[in-house]
Each structure stands twice: as structure tokens, then as C-alpha cells.
Amino acid sequence: MPINKKELTKEMLEKAMQCKSADELIALAKTGGYEMSKEEAESYMAEMSDFELDGTALKKIAGGSCYVDCWSDDCSFRD
């Protein structure tokens, strides 16, 4: 069965992101009952390589970790 991106769950994506090669991704897909060609797996691997940030890092980049007045002189978050 081909993979429908709309049916992918967070858990499925997390497992897929742990794969180090297209062959590992193909094997993972087979365990889930999905068929994937080598070209599809390589394409997914290229897409997933852009998503290496975990949730904590993403929150920091999005500005979600500084809850103090960073404009004061005693702010430890400024350079």
C-alpha cells in the first residue's frame, strides 16, 4: 500500500527520522505494511534531513524560552 502523508502519525515520523539510510526506511515501512521504492525512500530521507530539531530546540528558536526582561542590564540571555 502506498504511503499517504496525511495518514502519518507523530510516532511514525519519529521512527522514520531515526533511520540512517533509505534501506532502513524501506524496512521500517514494510513493518508498517507500506511499500516504498528506493527512490521514494531517498526522497523522504532528503525531506527529513531538514527536520533535525527536537521540540526543545524548536521552542528556543521560536522564542519560547526567555521569560525574563532581556532588555535589562542583568539579563543572562544577551550576548
Protein backbone atom coordinates (compact mmCIF):
# COMPACT_ATOMS: atom_id res chain seq x y z
CA MET A 1 0.00 0.00 0.00
CA PRO A 2 1.45 3.44 -0.91
CA ILE A 3 2.12 5.93 1.88
CA ASN A 4 -0.40 8.72 2.30
CA LYS A 5 1.39 11.62 4.03
CA LYS A 6 -1.88 12.68 5.65
CA GLU A 7 -2.04 9.33 7.49
CA LEU A 8 1.43 9.63 9.05
CA THR A 9 1.44 9.94 12.81
CA LYS A 10 3.96 11.71 15.02
CA GLU A 11 5.23 8.33 16.20
CA MET A 12 5.70 7.11 12.63
CA LEU A 13 7.69 10.22 11.75
CA GLU A 14 9.85 9.89 14.86
CA LYS A 15 10.70 6.30 13.95
CA ALA A 16 11.38 7.28 10.34
CA MET A 17 13.70 10.07 11.44
CA GLN A 18 15.80 7.51 13.34
CA CYS A 19 16.59 5.70 10.09
CA LYS A 20 20.15 6.24 8.89
CA SER A 21 19.63 5.06 5.31
CA ALA A 22 16.99 4.63 2.64
CA ASP A 23 17.20 0.86 3.12
CA GLU A 24 16.39 1.20 6.83
CA LEU A 25 13.42 3.40 5.95
CA ILE A 26 12.18 0.85 3.41
CA ALA A 27 12.43 -1.90 6.05
CA LEU A 28 10.56 0.25 8.57
CA ALA A 29 7.83 0.97 6.03
CA LYS A 30 7.44 -2.75 5.33
CA THR A 31 6.93 -3.48 9.04
CA GLY A 32 4.06 -0.99 8.95
CA GLY A 33 2.52 -2.60 5.87
CA TYR A 34 3.66 0.08 3.42
CA GLU A 35 5.52 -0.38 0.15
CA MET A 36 8.22 2.12 -0.71
CA SER A 37 10.62 2.28 -3.64
CA LYS A 38 14.28 3.15 -3.23
CA GLU A 39 13.63 6.49 -4.96
CA GLU A 40 10.74 7.31 -2.60
CA ALA A 41 12.84 6.39 0.43
CA GLU A 42 15.72 8.57 -0.74
CA SER A 43 13.30 11.44 -1.34
CA TYR A 44 11.81 11.07 2.17
CA MET A 45 15.30 10.88 3.67
CA ALA A 46 16.20 14.16 1.94
CA GLU A 47 12.99 15.78 3.25
CA MET A 48 13.57 14.52 6.79
CA SER A 49 17.16 15.76 6.86
CA ASP A 50 15.73 19.28 7.16
CA PHE A 51 13.90 18.40 10.41
CA GLU A 52 16.67 17.65 12.88
CA LEU A 53 15.46 19.95 15.68
CA ASP A 54 13.77 18.40 18.68
CA GLY A 55 10.86 20.14 20.40
CA THR A 56 13.02 21.90 22.98
CA ALA A 57 15.35 23.35 20.36
CA LEU A 58 12.42 24.43 18.24
CA LYS A 59 10.82 26.29 21.18
CA LYS A 60 14.09 28.11 21.83
CA ILE A 61 14.37 29.19 18.21
CA ALA A 62 10.74 30.30 18.19
CA GLY A 63 11.42 32.48 21.23
CA GLY A 64 9.66 30.33 23.80
CA SER A 65 12.45 30.00 26.35
CA CYS A 66 13.11 33.55 27.56
CA TYR A 67 10.60 34.58 30.21
CA VAL A 68 12.65 37.43 31.70
CA ASP A 69 13.12 41.05 30.73
CA CYS A 70 16.03 40.60 28.33
CA TRP A 71 16.47 44.33 27.88
CA SER A 72 17.57 44.89 31.46
CA ASP A 73 21.29 45.13 32.26
CA ASP A 74 21.32 41.91 34.30
CA CYS A 75 19.86 39.64 31.61
CA SER A 76 21.94 36.47 31.27
CA PHE A 77 20.43 35.63 27.87
CA ARG A 78 22.02 38.52 25.97
CA ASP A 79 25.43 38.36 24.34
